[in-house]
PDB file of N, CA and C in Angstrom:
ATOM      1  N   MET A   1      26.301  46.025 -40.140  1.00  0.00           N
ATOM      2  CA  MET A   1      24.934  45.571 -40.353  1.00  0.00           C
ATOM      3  C   MET A   1      24.482  45.846 -41.773  1.00  0.00           C
ATOM      4  N   ARG A   2      25.379  46.312 -42.594  1.00  0.00           N
ATOM      5  CA  ARG A   2      25.046  46.617 -43.972  1.00  0.00           C
ATOM      6  C   ARG A   2      24.486  45.380 -44.697  1.00  0.00           C
ATOM      7  N   ALA A   3      25.047  44.196 -44.368  1.00  0.00           N
ATOM      8  CA  ALA A   3      24.572  42.966 -45.009  1.00  0.00           C
ATOM      9  C   ALA A   3      23.109  42.686 -44.675  1.00  0.00           C
ATOM     10  N   ALA A   4      22.712  42.903 -43.422  1.00  0.00           N
ATOM     11  CA  ALA A   4      21.322  42.695 -43.034  1.00  0.00           C
ATOM     12  C   ALA A   4      20.409  43.690 -43.725  1.00  0.00           C
ATOM     13  N   ASP A   5      20.836  44.928 -43.825  1.00  0.00           N
ATOM     14  CA  ASP A   5      20.043  45.941 -44.520  1.00  0.00           C
ATOM     15  C   ASP A   5      19.819  45.546 -45.971  1.00  0.00           C
ATOM     16  N   THR A   6      20.872  45.104 -46.627  1.00  0.00           N
ATOM     17  CA  THR A   6      20.809  44.682 -48.024  1.00  0.00           C
ATOM     18  C   THR A   6      19.911  43.439 -48.161  1.00  0.00           C
ATOM     19  N   ALA A   7      20.060  42.504 -47.238  1.00  0.00           N
ATOM     20  CA  ALA A   7      19.245  41.286 -47.311  1.00  0.00           C
ATOM     21  C   ALA A   7      17.759  41.608 -47.175  1.00  0.00           C
ATOM     22  N   PHE A   8      17.398  42.461 -46.238  1.00  0.00           N
ATOM     23  CA  PHE A   8      15.992  42.807 -46.058  1.00  0.00           C
ATOM     24  C   PHE A   8      15.458  43.577 -47.266  1.00  0.00           C
ATOM     25  N   ALA A   9      16.249  44.468 -47.820  1.00  0.00           N
ATOM     26  CA  ALA A   9      15.818  45.200 -49.010  1.00  0.00           C
ATOM     27  C   ALA A   9      15.560  44.216 -50.160  1.00  0.00           C
ATOM     28  N   THR A  10      16.441  43.259 -50.334  1.00  0.00           N
ATOM     29  CA  THR A  10      16.274  42.252 -51.393  1.00  0.00           C
ATOM     30  C   THR A  10      15.042  41.398 -51.145  1.00  0.00           C
ATOM     31  N   ILE A  11      14.874  40.936 -49.902  1.00  0.00           N
ATOM     32  CA  ILE A  11      13.715  40.115 -49.565  1.00  0.00           C
ATOM     33  C   ILE A  11      12.408  40.878 -49.850  1.00  0.00           C
ATOM     34  N   SER A  12      12.405  42.158 -49.503  1.00  0.00           N
ATOM     35  CA  SER A  12      11.224  42.986 -49.723  1.00  0.00           C
ATOM     36  C   SER A  12      10.971  43.181 -51.205  1.00  0.00           C
ATOM     37  N   GLN A  13      12.014  43.465 -51.972  1.00  0.00           N
ATOM     38  CA  GLN A  13      11.876  43.700 -53.401  1.00  0.00           C
ATOM     39  C   GLN A  13      11.367  42.454 -54.140  1.00  0.00           C
ATOM     40  N   GLN A  14      11.750  41.305 -53.627  1.00  0.00           N
ATOM     41  CA  GLN A  14      11.331  40.050 -54.270  1.00  0.00           C
ATOM     42  C   GLN A  14       9.940  39.606 -53.828  1.00  0.00           C
ATOM     43  N   GLY A  15       9.320  40.373 -52.929  1.00  0.00           N
ATOM     44  CA  GLY A  15       7.944  40.110 -52.539  1.00  0.00           C
ATOM     45  C   GLY A  15       7.739  38.940 -51.596  1.00  0.00           C
ATOM     46  N   ALA A  16       8.717  38.693 -50.745  1.00  0.00           N
ATOM     47  CA  ALA A  16       8.550  37.597 -49.779  1.00  0.00           C
ATOM     48  C   ALA A  16       7.317  37.831 -48.926  1.00  0.00           C
ATOM     49  N   GLY A  17       6.528  36.765 -48.723  1.00  0.00           N
ATOM     50  CA  GLY A  17       5.324  36.888 -47.928  1.00  0.00           C
ATOM     51  C   GLY A  17       5.565  36.818 -46.443  1.00  0.00           C
ATOM     52  N   ALA A  18       6.700  36.243 -46.050  1.00  0.00           N
ATOM     53  CA  ALA A  18       7.028  36.104 -44.632  1.00  0.00           C
ATOM     54  C   ALA A  18       8.505  35.695 -44.533  1.00  0.00           C
ATOM     55  N   LEU A  19       9.016  35.707 -43.294  1.00  0.00           N
ATOM     56  CA  LEU A  19      10.426  35.350 -43.072  1.00  0.00           C
ATOM     57  C   LEU A  19      10.558  34.590 -41.776  1.00  0.00           C
ATOM     58  N   LEU A  20      11.418  33.620 -41.764  1.00  0.00           N
ATOM     59  CA  LEU A  20      11.775  32.864 -40.569  1.00  0.00           C
ATOM     60  C   LEU A  20      13.220  33.170 -40.230  1.00  0.00           C
ATOM     61  N   VAL A  21      13.467  33.720 -39.053  1.00  0.00           N
ATOM     62  CA  VAL A  21      14.822  34.016 -38.611  1.00  0.00           C
ATOM     63  C   VAL A  21      15.293  32.848 -37.730  1.00  0.00           C
ATOM     64  N   GLY A  22      16.427  32.277 -38.070  1.00  0.00           N
ATOM     65  CA  GLY A  22      16.945  31.138 -37.324  1.00  0.00           C
ATOM     66  C   GLY A  22      17.649  31.546 -36.054  1.00  0.00           C
ATOM     67  N   ALA A  23      17.930  30.525 -35.246  1.00  0.00           N
ATOM     68  CA  ALA A  23      18.617  30.735 -33.956  1.00  0.00           C
ATOM     69  C   ALA A  23      20.115  30.790 -34.189  1.00  0.00           C
ATOM     70  N   ASP A  24      20.611  31.927 -34.614  1.00  0.00           N
ATOM     71  CA  ASP A  24      22.006  32.124 -34.925  1.00  0.00           C
ATOM     72  C   ASP A  24      22.558  33.238 -34.040  1.00  0.00           C
ATOM     73  N   PRO A  25      23.769  33.099 -33.538  1.00  0.00           N
ATOM     74  CA  PRO A  25      24.333  34.124 -32.673  1.00  0.00           C
ATOM     75  C   PRO A  25      24.325  35.526 -33.315  1.00  0.00           C
ATOM     76  N   PHE A  26      24.524  35.623 -34.613  1.00  0.00           N
ATOM     77  CA  PHE A  26      24.489  36.927 -35.283  1.00  0.00           C
ATOM     78  C   PHE A  26      23.127  37.581 -35.121  1.00  0.00           C
ATOM     79  N   PHE A  27      22.068  36.831 -35.399  1.00  0.00           N
ATOM     80  CA  PHE A  27      20.718  37.392 -35.289  1.00  0.00           C
ATOM     81  C   PHE A  27      20.369  37.756 -33.846  1.00  0.00           C
ATOM     82  N   ILE A  28      20.795  36.930 -32.918  1.00  0.00           N
ATOM     83  CA  ILE A  28      20.512  37.203 -31.518  1.00  0.00           C
ATOM     84  C   ILE A  28      21.253  38.465 -31.057  1.00  0.00           C
ATOM     85  N   ALA A  29      22.511  38.612 -31.465  1.00  0.00           N
ATOM     86  CA  ALA A  29      23.302  39.785 -31.084  1.00  0.00           C
ATOM     87  C   ALA A  29      22.737  41.073 -31.687  1.00  0.00           C
ATOM     88  N   HIS A  30      22.078  40.965 -32.838  1.00  0.00           N
ATOM     89  CA  HIS A  30      21.558  42.135 -33.533  1.00  0.00           C
ATOM     90  C   HIS A  30      20.032  42.149 -33.555  1.00  0.00           C
ATOM     91  N   ARG A  31      19.460  41.591 -32.485  1.00  0.00           N
ATOM     92  CA  ARG A  31      18.012  41.411 -32.397  1.00  0.00           C
ATOM     93  C   ARG A  31      17.234  42.684 -32.720  1.00  0.00           C
ATOM     94  N   ASP A  32      17.547  43.787 -32.077  1.00  0.00           N
ATOM     95  CA  ASP A  32      16.779  45.014 -32.248  1.00  0.00           C
ATOM     96  C   ASP A  32      16.832  45.524 -33.689  1.00  0.00           C
ATOM     97  N   HIS A  33      17.994  45.429 -34.285  1.00  0.00           N
ATOM     98  CA  HIS A  33      18.130  45.888 -35.670  1.00  0.00           C
ATOM     99  C   HIS A  33      17.358  44.978 -36.624  1.00  0.00           C
ATOM    100  N   ILE A  34      17.412  43.695 -36.419  1.00  0.00           N
ATOM    101  CA  ILE A  34      16.682  42.741 -37.281  1.00  0.00           C
ATOM    102  C   ILE A  34      15.182  42.969 -37.159  1.00  0.00           C
ATOM    103  N   VAL A  35      14.674  43.157 -35.936  1.00  0.00           N
ATOM    104  CA  VAL A  35      13.258  43.419 -35.719  1.00  0.00           C
ATOM    105  C   VAL A  35      12.864  44.734 -36.379  1.00  0.00           C
ATOM    106  N   ALA A  36      13.701  45.757 -36.278  1.00  0.00           N
ATOM    107  CA  ALA A  36      13.417  47.043 -36.912  1.00  0.00           C
ATOM    108  C   ALA A  36      13.384  46.938 -38.423  1.00  0.00           C
ATOM    109  N   LEU A  37      14.296  46.158 -38.986  1.00  0.00           N
ATOM    110  CA  LEU A  37      14.303  45.966 -40.438  1.00  0.00           C
ATOM    111  C   LEU A  37      13.022  45.257 -40.920  1.00  0.00           C
ATOM    112  N   ALA A  38      12.600  44.243 -40.184  1.00  0.00           N
ATOM    113  CA  ALA A  38      11.377  43.531 -40.544  1.00  0.00           C
ATOM    114  C   ALA A  38      10.184  44.489 -40.500  1.00  0.00           C
ATOM    115  N   ALA A  39      10.147  45.346 -39.496  1.00  0.00           N
ATOM    116  CA  ALA A  39       9.062  46.323 -39.387  1.00  0.00           C
ATOM    117  C   ALA A  39       9.131  47.336 -40.512  1.00  0.00           C
ATOM    118  N   ARG A  40      10.325  47.858 -40.785  1.00  0.00           N
ATOM    119  CA  ARG A  40      10.485  48.880 -41.831  1.00  0.00           C
ATOM    120  C   ARG A  40      10.034  48.367 -43.191  1.00  0.00           C
ATOM    121  N   HIS A  41      10.337  47.084 -43.467  1.00  0.00           N
ATOM    122  CA  HIS A  41       9.979  46.493 -44.759  1.00  0.00           C
ATOM    123  C   HIS A  41       8.634  45.783 -44.730  1.00  0.00           C
ATOM    124  N   ALA A  42       7.943  45.850 -43.580  1.00  0.00           N
ATOM    125  CA  ALA A  42       6.614  45.224 -43.413  1.00  0.00           C
ATOM    126  C   ALA A  42       6.613  43.757 -43.794  1.00  0.00           C
ATOM    127  N   ILE A  43       7.608  43.032 -43.296  1.00  0.00           N
ATOM    128  CA  ILE A  43       7.725  41.592 -43.566  1.00  0.00           C
ATOM    129  C   ILE A  43       7.315  40.835 -42.308  1.00  0.00           C
ATOM    130  N   PRO A  44       6.210  40.072 -42.344  1.00  0.00           N
ATOM    131  CA  PRO A  44       5.845  39.268 -41.178  1.00  0.00           C
ATOM    132  C   PRO A  44       6.962  38.250 -40.897  1.00  0.00           C
ATOM    133  N   THR A  45       7.451  38.258 -39.667  1.00  0.00           N
ATOM    134  CA  THR A  45       8.629  37.447 -39.334  1.00  0.00           C
ATOM    135  C   THR A  45       8.415  36.675 -38.028  1.00  0.00           C
ATOM    136  N   ILE A  46       8.844  35.429 -38.025  1.00  0.00           N
ATOM    137  CA  ILE A  46       8.835  34.615 -36.815  1.00  0.00           C
ATOM    138  C   ILE A  46      10.284  34.430 -36.386  1.00  0.00           C
ATOM    139  N   TYR A  47      10.503  34.499 -35.085  1.00  0.00           N
ATOM    140  CA  TYR A  47      11.850  34.486 -34.508  1.00  0.00           C
ATOM    141  C   TYR A  47      12.054  33.295 -33.591  1.00  0.00           C
ATOM    142  N   PRO A  48      13.307  32.989 -33.229  1.00  0.00           N
ATOM    143  CA  PRO A  48      13.600  31.801 -32.428  1.00  0.00           C
ATOM    144  C   PRO A  48      13.470  31.947 -30.919  1.00  0.00           C
ATOM    145  N   ALA A  49      13.219  33.163 -30.431  1.00  0.00           N
ATOM    146  CA  ALA A  49      13.177  33.369 -28.974  1.00  0.00           C
ATOM    147  C   ALA A  49      12.212  34.487 -28.643  1.00  0.00           C
ATOM    148  N   ARG A  50      11.612  34.418 -27.459  1.00  0.00           N
ATOM    149  CA  ARG A  50      10.604  35.368 -27.039  1.00  0.00           C
ATOM    150  C   ARG A  50      11.124  36.797 -26.979  1.00  0.00           C
ATOM    151  N   ASP A  51      12.430  36.984 -26.735  1.00  0.00           N
ATOM    152  CA  ASP A  51      13.001  38.329 -26.667  1.00  0.00           C
ATOM    153  C   ASP A  51      12.730  39.123 -27.946  1.00  0.00           C
ATOM    154  N   PHE A  52      12.684  38.434 -29.088  1.00  0.00           N
ATOM    155  CA  PHE A  52      12.405  39.107 -30.350  1.00  0.00           C
ATOM    156  C   PHE A  52      10.979  39.656 -30.376  1.00  0.00           C
ATOM    157  N   ALA A  53      10.012  38.864 -29.907  1.00  0.00           N
ATOM    158  CA  ALA A  53       8.615  39.320 -29.871  1.00  0.00           C
ATOM    159  C   ALA A  53       8.454  40.452 -28.854  1.00  0.00           C
ATOM    160  N   VAL A  54       9.140  40.364 -27.749  1.00  0.00           N
ATOM    161  CA  VAL A  54       9.099  41.439 -26.754  1.00  0.00           C
ATOM    162  C   VAL A  54       9.678  42.724 -27.326  1.00  0.00           C
ATOM    163  N   ALA A  55      10.697  42.595 -28.200  1.00  0.00           N
ATOM    164  CA  ALA A  55      11.334  43.743 -28.815  1.00  0.00           C
ATOM    165  C   ALA A  55      10.532  44.321 -29.985  1.00  0.00           C
ATOM    166  N   GLY A  56       9.382  43.695 -30.287  1.00  0.00           N
ATOM    167  CA  GLY A  56       8.513  44.202 -31.365  1.00  0.00           C
ATOM    168  C   GLY A  56       8.352  43.287 -32.538  1.00  0.00           C
ATOM    169  N   GLY A  57       8.961  42.098 -32.508  1.00  0.00           N
ATOM    170  CA  GLY A  57       8.793  41.140 -33.577  1.00  0.00           C
ATOM    171  C   GLY A  57       7.398  40.576 -33.578  1.00  0.00           C
ATOM    172  N   LEU A  58       6.933  40.067 -34.706  1.00  0.00           N
ATOM    173  CA  LEU A  58       5.581  39.561 -34.827  1.00  0.00           C
ATOM    174  C   LEU A  58       5.315  38.376 -33.922  1.00  0.00           C
ATOM    175  N   MET A  59       6.146  37.354 -33.991  1.00  0.00           N
ATOM    176  CA  MET A  59       5.956  36.185 -33.138  1.00  0.00           C
ATOM    177  C   MET A  59       7.248  35.413 -32.987  1.00  0.00           C
ATOM    178  N   SER A  60       7.264  34.572 -31.979  1.00  0.00           N
ATOM    179  CA  SER A  60       8.446  33.740 -31.755  1.00  0.00           C
ATOM    180  C   SER A  60       8.019  32.345 -31.325  1.00  0.00           C
ATOM    181  N   TYR A  61       8.839  31.390 -31.683  1.00  0.00           N
ATOM    182  CA  TYR A  61       8.633  30.020 -31.234  1.00  0.00           C
ATOM    183  C   TYR A  61      10.003  29.432 -31.021  1.00  0.00           C
ATOM    184  N   GLY A  62      10.272  29.009 -29.797  1.00  0.00           N
ATOM    185  CA  GLY A  62      11.602  28.448 -29.529  1.00  0.00           C
ATOM    186  C   GLY A  62      11.697  27.912 -28.106  1.00  0.00           C
ATOM    187  N   THR A  63      12.882  27.497 -27.780  1.00  0.00           N
ATOM    188  CA  THR A  63      13.175  26.932 -26.481  1.00  0.00           C
ATOM    189  C   THR A  63      12.829  27.891 -25.356  1.00  0.00           C
ATOM    190  N   ASP A  64      12.255  27.365 -24.306  1.00  0.00           N
ATOM    191  CA  ASP A  64      12.014  28.134 -23.097  1.00  0.00           C
ATOM    192  C   ASP A  64      13.345  28.159 -22.331  1.00  0.00           C
ATOM    193  N   PHE A  65      14.069  29.282 -22.414  1.00  0.00           N
ATOM    194  CA  PHE A  65      15.402  29.357 -21.824  1.00  0.00           C
ATOM    195  C   PHE A  65      15.395  29.207 -20.306  1.00  0.00           C
ATOM    196  N   VAL A  66      14.347  29.681 -19.664  1.00  0.00           N
ATOM    197  CA  VAL A  66      14.268  29.530 -18.208  1.00  0.00           C
ATOM    198  C   VAL A  66      14.279  28.041 -17.858  1.00  0.00           C
ATOM    199  N   ASP A  67      13.524  27.252 -18.575  1.00  0.00           N
ATOM    200  CA  ASP A  67      13.491  25.808 -18.320  1.00  0.00           C
ATOM    201  C   ASP A  67      14.858  25.173 -18.646  1.00  0.00           C
ATOM    202  N   SER A  68      15.496  25.623 -19.716  1.00  0.00           N
ATOM    203  CA  SER A  68      16.810  25.100 -20.076  1.00  0.00           C
ATOM    204  C   SER A  68      17.846  25.377 -18.980  1.00  0.00           C
ATOM    205  N   TYR A  69      17.798  26.593 -18.447  1.00  0.00           N
ATOM    206  CA  TYR A  69      18.735  26.947 -17.389  1.00  0.00           C
ATOM    207  C   TYR A  69      18.449  26.151 -16.110  1.00  0.00           C
ATOM    208  N   ARG A  70      17.193  25.890 -15.844  1.00  0.00           N
ATOM    209  CA  ARG A  70      16.824  25.066 -14.694  1.00  0.00           C
ATOM    210  C   ARG A  70      17.392  23.666 -14.858  1.00  0.00           C
ATOM    211  N   GLN A  71      17.283  23.118 -16.059  1.00  0.00           N
ATOM    212  CA  GLN A  71      17.826  21.778 -16.334  1.00  0.00           C
ATOM    213  C   GLN A  71      19.362  21.802 -16.160  1.00  0.00           C
ATOM    214  N   ALA A  72      20.007  22.854 -16.614  1.00  0.00           N
ATOM    215  CA  ALA A  72      21.467  22.970 -16.458  1.00  0.00           C
ATOM    216  C   ALA A  72      21.847  23.008 -14.979  1.00  0.00           C
ATOM    217  N   GLY A  73      21.038  23.684 -14.184  1.00  0.00           N
ATOM    218  CA  GLY A  73      21.277  23.749 -12.745  1.00  0.00           C
ATOM    219  C   GLY A  73      21.143  22.358 -12.087  1.00  0.00           C
ATOM    220  N   ILE A  74      20.152  21.608 -12.548  1.00  0.00           N
ATOM    221  CA  ILE A  74      19.985  20.251 -12.017  1.00  0.00           C
ATOM    222  C   ILE A  74      21.207  19.397 -12.361  1.00  0.00           C
ATOM    223  N   TYR A  75      21.688  19.503 -13.582  1.00  0.00           N
ATOM    224  CA  TYR A  75      22.892  18.761 -13.996  1.00  0.00           C
ATOM    225  C   TYR A  75      24.078  19.176 -13.146  1.00  0.00           C
ATOM    226  N   THR A  76      24.234  20.486 -12.957  1.00  0.00           N
ATOM    227  CA  THR A  76      25.367  20.973 -12.154  1.00  0.00           C
ATOM    228  C   THR A  76      25.294  20.404 -10.746  1.00  0.00           C
ATOM    229  N   GLY A  77      24.111  20.371 -10.179  1.00  0.00           N
ATOM    230  CA  GLY A  77      23.944  19.806  -8.831  1.00  0.00           C
ATOM    231  C   GLY A  77      24.321  18.339  -8.787  1.00  0.00           C
ATOM    232  N   ARG A  78      23.971  17.590  -9.818  1.00  0.00           N
ATOM    233  CA  ARG A  78      24.324  16.169  -9.845  1.00  0.00           C
ATOM    234  C   ARG A  78      25.844  15.984  -9.920  1.00  0.00           C
ATOM    235  N   ILE A  79      26.514  16.830 -10.687  1.00  0.00           N
ATOM    236  CA  ILE A  79      27.972  16.741 -10.825  1.00  0.00           C
ATOM    237  C   ILE A  79      28.639  17.143  -9.506  1.00  0.00           C
ATOM    238  N   VAL A  80      28.135  18.188  -8.870  1.00  0.00           N
ATOM    239  CA  VAL A  80      28.697  18.648  -7.592  1.00  0.00           C
ATOM    240  C   VAL A  80      28.545  17.544  -6.521  1.00  0.00           C
ATOM    241  N   ARG A  81      27.458  16.784  -6.620  1.00  0.00           N
ATOM    242  CA  ARG A  81      27.246  15.699  -5.659  1.00  0.00           C
ATOM    243  C   ARG A  81      28.048  14.457  -5.990  1.00  0.00           C
ATOM    244  N   GLY A  82      28.863  14.508  -7.054  1.00  0.00           N
ATOM    245  CA  GLY A  82      29.778  13.394  -7.328  1.00  0.00           C
ATOM    246  C   GLY A  82      29.512  12.570  -8.570  1.00  0.00           C
ATOM    247  N   GLU A  83      28.415  12.803  -9.279  1.00  0.00           N
ATOM    248  CA  GLU A  83      28.199  12.041 -10.504  1.00  0.00           C
ATOM    249  C   GLU A  83      29.169  12.510 -11.589  1.00  0.00           C
ATOM    250  N   LYS A  84      29.576  11.584 -12.425  1.00  0.00           N
ATOM    251  CA  LYS A  84      30.492  11.947 -13.525  1.00  0.00           C
ATOM    252  C   LYS A  84      29.666  12.499 -14.676  1.00  0.00           C
ATOM    253  N   ALA A  85      30.158  13.624 -15.212  1.00  0.00           N
ATOM    254  CA  ALA A  85      29.433  14.273 -16.309  1.00  0.00           C
ATOM    255  C   ALA A  85      29.246  13.329 -17.483  1.00  0.00           C
ATOM    256  N   GLY A  86      30.241  12.491 -17.769  1.00  0.00           N
ATOM    257  CA  GLY A  86      30.155  11.539 -18.892  1.00  0.00           C
ATOM    258  C   GLY A  86      29.122  10.453 -18.697  1.00  0.00           C
ATOM    259  N   ASP A  87      28.685  10.244 -17.445  1.00  0.00           N
ATOM    260  CA  ASP A  87      27.671   9.240 -17.171  1.00  0.00           C
ATOM    261  C   ASP A  87      26.254   9.782 -17.246  1.00  0.00           C
ATOM    262  N   LEU A  88      26.114  11.101 -17.316  1.00  0.00           N
ATOM    263  CA  LEU A  88      24.775  11.686 -17.364  1.00  0.00           C
ATOM    264  C   LEU A  88      24.222  11.625 -18.778  1.00  0.00           C
ATOM    265  N   PRO A  89      22.928  11.390 -18.908  1.00  0.00           N
ATOM    266  CA  PRO A  89      22.341  11.296 -20.242  1.00  0.00           C
ATOM    267  C   PRO A  89      22.302  12.665 -20.925  1.00  0.00           C
ATOM    268  N   VAL A  90      22.369  12.656 -22.235  1.00  0.00           N
ATOM    269  CA  VAL A  90      22.246  13.891 -23.008  1.00  0.00           C
ATOM    270  C   VAL A  90      20.775  14.292 -22.987  1.00  0.00           C
ATOM    271  N   GLN A  91      20.533  15.548 -22.745  1.00  0.00           N
ATOM    272  CA  GLN A  91      19.183  16.047 -22.743  1.00  0.00           C
ATOM    273  C   GLN A  91      19.023  17.110 -23.789  1.00  0.00           C
ATOM    274  N   ARG A  92      17.800  17.260 -24.257  1.00  0.00           N
ATOM    275  CA  ARG A  92      17.505  18.339 -25.181  1.00  0.00           C
ATOM    276  C   ARG A  92      16.255  19.044 -24.689  1.00  0.00           C
ATOM    277  N   SER A  93      16.014  20.180 -25.214  1.00  0.00           N
ATOM    278  CA  SER A  93      14.856  20.962 -24.771  1.00  0.00           C
ATOM    279  C   SER A  93      13.574  20.210 -25.036  1.00  0.00           C
ATOM    280  N   THR A  94      12.680  20.271 -24.087  1.00  0.00           N
ATOM    281  CA  THR A  94      11.370  19.671 -24.242  1.00  0.00           C
ATOM    282  C   THR A  94      10.261  20.686 -24.038  1.00  0.00           C
ATOM    283  N   LYS A  95      10.633  21.873 -23.585  1.00  0.00           N
ATOM    284  CA  LYS A  95       9.639  22.901 -23.351  1.00  0.00           C
ATOM    285  C   LYS A  95       9.912  24.076 -24.296  1.00  0.00           C
ATOM    286  N   PHE A  96       8.913  24.393 -25.075  1.00  0.00           N
ATOM    287  CA  PHE A  96       9.010  25.481 -26.052  1.00  0.00           C
ATOM    288  C   PHE A  96       7.919  26.502 -25.760  1.00  0.00           C
ATOM    289  N   GLU A  97       8.149  27.729 -26.205  1.00  0.00           N
ATOM    290  CA  GLU A  97       7.138  28.757 -25.995  1.00  0.00           C
ATOM    291  C   GLU A  97       6.825  29.491 -27.293  1.00  0.00           C
ATOM    292  N   PHE A  98       5.567  29.817 -27.446  1.00  0.00           N
ATOM    293  CA  PHE A  98       5.058  30.518 -28.618  1.00  0.00           C
ATOM    294  C   PHE A  98       4.484  31.859 -28.149  1.00  0.00           C
ATOM    295  N   VAL A  99       5.038  32.955 -28.684  1.00  0.00           N
ATOM    296  CA  VAL A  99       4.646  34.298 -28.272  1.00  0.00           C
ATOM    297  C   VAL A  99       4.180  35.074 -29.499  1.00  0.00           C
ATOM    298  N   ILE A 100       3.062  35.774 -29.368  1.00  0.00           N
ATOM    299  CA  ILE A 100       2.524  36.608 -30.456  1.00  0.00           C
ATOM    300  C   ILE A 100       2.465  38.054 -29.983  1.00  0.00           C
ATOM    301  N   ASN A 101       2.928  38.958 -30.820  1.00  0.00           N
ATOM    302  CA  ASN A 101       2.877  40.392 -30.526  1.00  0.00           C
ATOM    303  C   ASN A 101       1.726  40.995 -31.332  1.00  0.00           C
ATOM    304  N   PHE A 102       0.593  41.255 -30.659  1.00  0.00           N
ATOM    305  CA  PHE A 102      -0.601  41.789 -31.334  1.00  0.00           C
ATOM    306  C   PHE A 102      -0.365  43.194 -31.882  1.00  0.00           C
ATOM    307  N   LYS A 103       0.413  43.987 -31.178  1.00  0.00           N
ATOM    308  CA  LYS A 103       0.678  45.357 -31.649  1.00  0.00           C
ATOM    309  C   LYS A 103       1.345  45.310 -33.021  1.00  0.00           C
ATOM    310  N   THR A 104       2.303  44.403 -33.171  1.00  0.00           N
ATOM    311  CA  THR A 104       3.008  44.261 -34.438  1.00  0.00           C
ATOM    312  C   THR A 104       2.089  43.687 -35.508  1.00  0.00           C
ATOM    313  N   ALA A 105       1.268  42.712 -35.146  1.00  0.00           N
ATOM    314  CA  ALA A 105       0.310  42.135 -36.097  1.00  0.00           C
ATOM    315  C   ALA A 105      -0.613  43.228 -36.628  1.00  0.00           C
ATOM    316  N   LYS A 106      -1.081  44.078 -35.740  1.00  0.00           N
ATOM    317  CA  LYS A 106      -1.964  45.171 -36.136  1.00  0.00           C
ATOM    318  C   LYS A 106      -1.240  46.141 -37.088  1.00  0.00           C
ATOM    319  N   ALA A 107       0.024  46.461 -36.756  1.00  0.00           N
ATOM    320  CA  ALA A 107       0.792  47.388 -37.604  1.00  0.00           C
ATOM    321  C   ALA A 107       1.020  46.801 -38.987  1.00  0.00           C
ATOM    322  N   LEU A 108       1.094  45.472 -39.086  1.00  0.00           N
ATOM    323  CA  LEU A 108       1.275  44.806 -40.384  1.00  0.00           C
ATOM    324  C   LEU A 108      -0.047  44.557 -41.088  1.00  0.00           C
ATOM    325  N   GLY A 109      -1.148  44.864 -40.429  1.00  0.00           N
ATOM    326  CA  GLY A 109      -2.471  44.631 -41.005  1.00  0.00           C
ATOM    327  C   GLY A 109      -2.874  43.172 -41.012  1.00  0.00           C
ATOM    328  N   LEU A 110      -2.350  42.419 -40.048  1.00  0.00           N
ATOM    329  CA  LEU A 110      -2.642  40.982 -39.977  1.00  0.00           C
ATOM    330  C   LEU A 110      -3.662  40.687 -38.889  1.00  0.00           C
ATOM    331  N   ALA A 111      -4.605  39.810 -39.209  1.00  0.00           N
ATOM    332  CA  ALA A 111      -5.550  39.320 -38.209  1.00  0.00           C
ATOM    333  C   ALA A 111      -5.002  38.004 -37.696  1.00  0.00           C
ATOM    334  N   VAL A 112      -4.909  37.854 -36.398  1.00  0.00           N
ATOM    335  CA  VAL A 112      -4.415  36.620 -35.806  1.00  0.00           C
ATOM    336  C   VAL A 112      -5.630  35.745 -35.482  1.00  0.00           C
ATOM    337  N   PRO A 113      -5.723  34.587 -36.111  1.00  0.00           N
ATOM    338  CA  PRO A 113      -6.883  33.713 -35.865  1.00  0.00           C
ATOM    339  C   PRO A 113      -7.007  33.349 -34.379  1.00  0.00           C
ATOM    340  N   ASN A 114      -8.230  33.213 -33.931  1.00  0.00           N
ATOM    341  CA  ASN A 114      -8.483  32.838 -32.564  1.00  0.00           C
ATOM    342  C   ASN A 114      -7.797  31.535 -32.170  1.00  0.00           C
ATOM    343  N   SER A 115      -7.794  30.565 -33.089  1.00  0.00           N
ATOM    344  CA  SER A 115      -7.164  29.285 -32.801  1.00  0.00           C
ATOM    345  C   SER A 115      -5.677  29.447 -32.517  1.00  0.00           C
ATOM    346  N   MET A 116      -5.036  30.389 -33.233  1.00  0.00           N
ATOM    347  CA  MET A 116      -3.616  30.645 -33.013  1.00  0.00           C
ATOM    348  C   MET A 116      -3.387  31.345 -31.679  1.00  0.00           C
ATOM    349  N   GLN A 117      -4.296  32.235 -31.323  1.00  0.00           N
ATOM    350  CA  GLN A 117      -4.193  32.932 -30.045  1.00  0.00           C
ATOM    351  C   GLN A 117      -4.278  31.941 -28.894  1.00  0.00           C
ATOM    352  N   LEU A 118      -5.128  30.947 -29.040  1.00  0.00           N
ATOM    353  CA  LEU A 118      -5.299  29.943 -27.986  1.00  0.00           C
ATOM    354  C   LEU A 118      -4.063  29.070 -27.823  1.00  0.00           C
ATOM    355  N   LEU A 119      -3.301  28.907 -28.887  1.00  0.00           N
ATOM    356  CA  LEU A 119      -2.076  28.106 -28.826  1.00  0.00           C
ATOM    357  C   LEU A 119      -0.904  28.846 -28.202  1.00  0.00           C
ATOM    358  N   ALA A 120      -0.989  30.173 -28.195  1.00  0.00           N
ATOM    359  CA  ALA A 120       0.145  30.983 -27.705  1.00  0.00           C
ATOM    360  C   ALA A 120       0.323  30.845 -26.188  1.00  0.00           C
ATOM    361  N   ASP A 121       1.589  30.790 -25.784  1.00  0.00           N
ATOM    362  CA  ASP A 121       1.920  30.801 -24.360  1.00  0.00           C
ATOM    363  C   ASP A 121       1.829  32.210 -23.798  1.00  0.00           C
ATOM    364  N   GLU A 122       2.026  33.203 -24.678  1.00  0.00           N
ATOM    365  CA  GLU A 122       1.952  34.598 -24.256  1.00  0.00           C
ATOM    366  C   GLU A 122       1.506  35.421 -25.435  1.00  0.00           C
ATOM    367  N   VAL A 123       0.643  36.406 -25.139  1.00  0.00           N
ATOM    368  CA  VAL A 123       0.192  37.363 -26.147  1.00  0.00           C
ATOM    369  C   VAL A 123       0.558  38.739 -25.647  1.00  0.00           C
ATOM    370  N   ILE A 124       1.321  39.455 -26.455  1.00  0.00           N
ATOM    371  CA  ILE A 124       1.733  40.813 -26.090  1.00  0.00           C
ATOM    372  C   ILE A 124       0.758  41.771 -26.756  1.00  0.00           C
ATOM    373  N   GLU A 125       0.099  42.612 -25.953  1.00  0.00           N
ATOM    374  CA  GLU A 125      -0.949  43.511 -26.479  1.00  0.00           C
ATOM    375  C   GLU A 125      -0.386  44.872 -26.764  1.00  0.00           C
TER     376      GLU A 125
END
C-alpha cells in the first residue's frame, strides 16, 4: 500500500480540493485503507460504492449492487428455464445510489447543502 500512501501525500501537498475514487478492484480491495488515507489528509472524496461511505468515506455514488444481483438472478432463472444466454439482451445498471456520511462531512468542516441531502438515498449520521 506504499503507492497509495505516496499518492495521497502528493495529492495533499499539491492542494487538491477533492478526489474521485474510481470503481477499480484495487481500491475496492483496499477500501478501509483508502478511506483512512483520505481522512488523514483531509481530502473530501467521493467513492464508487456505498461500502466506502459506510466505512467512513464522505460520500458515494454508484451502482446499487443489490439491484444488480437481483437482475443477475432473473437472468439465471431465464437460462435455467431453457432460454439461451446468447439470446438474452445485454443489460446495464439502471439503479444507482447516493450516500452521504454526515459524520465525515463534519470532521472535514464541510456543510452539506439541504438540496444535496434531499437527493441522497441514504444519510449516515
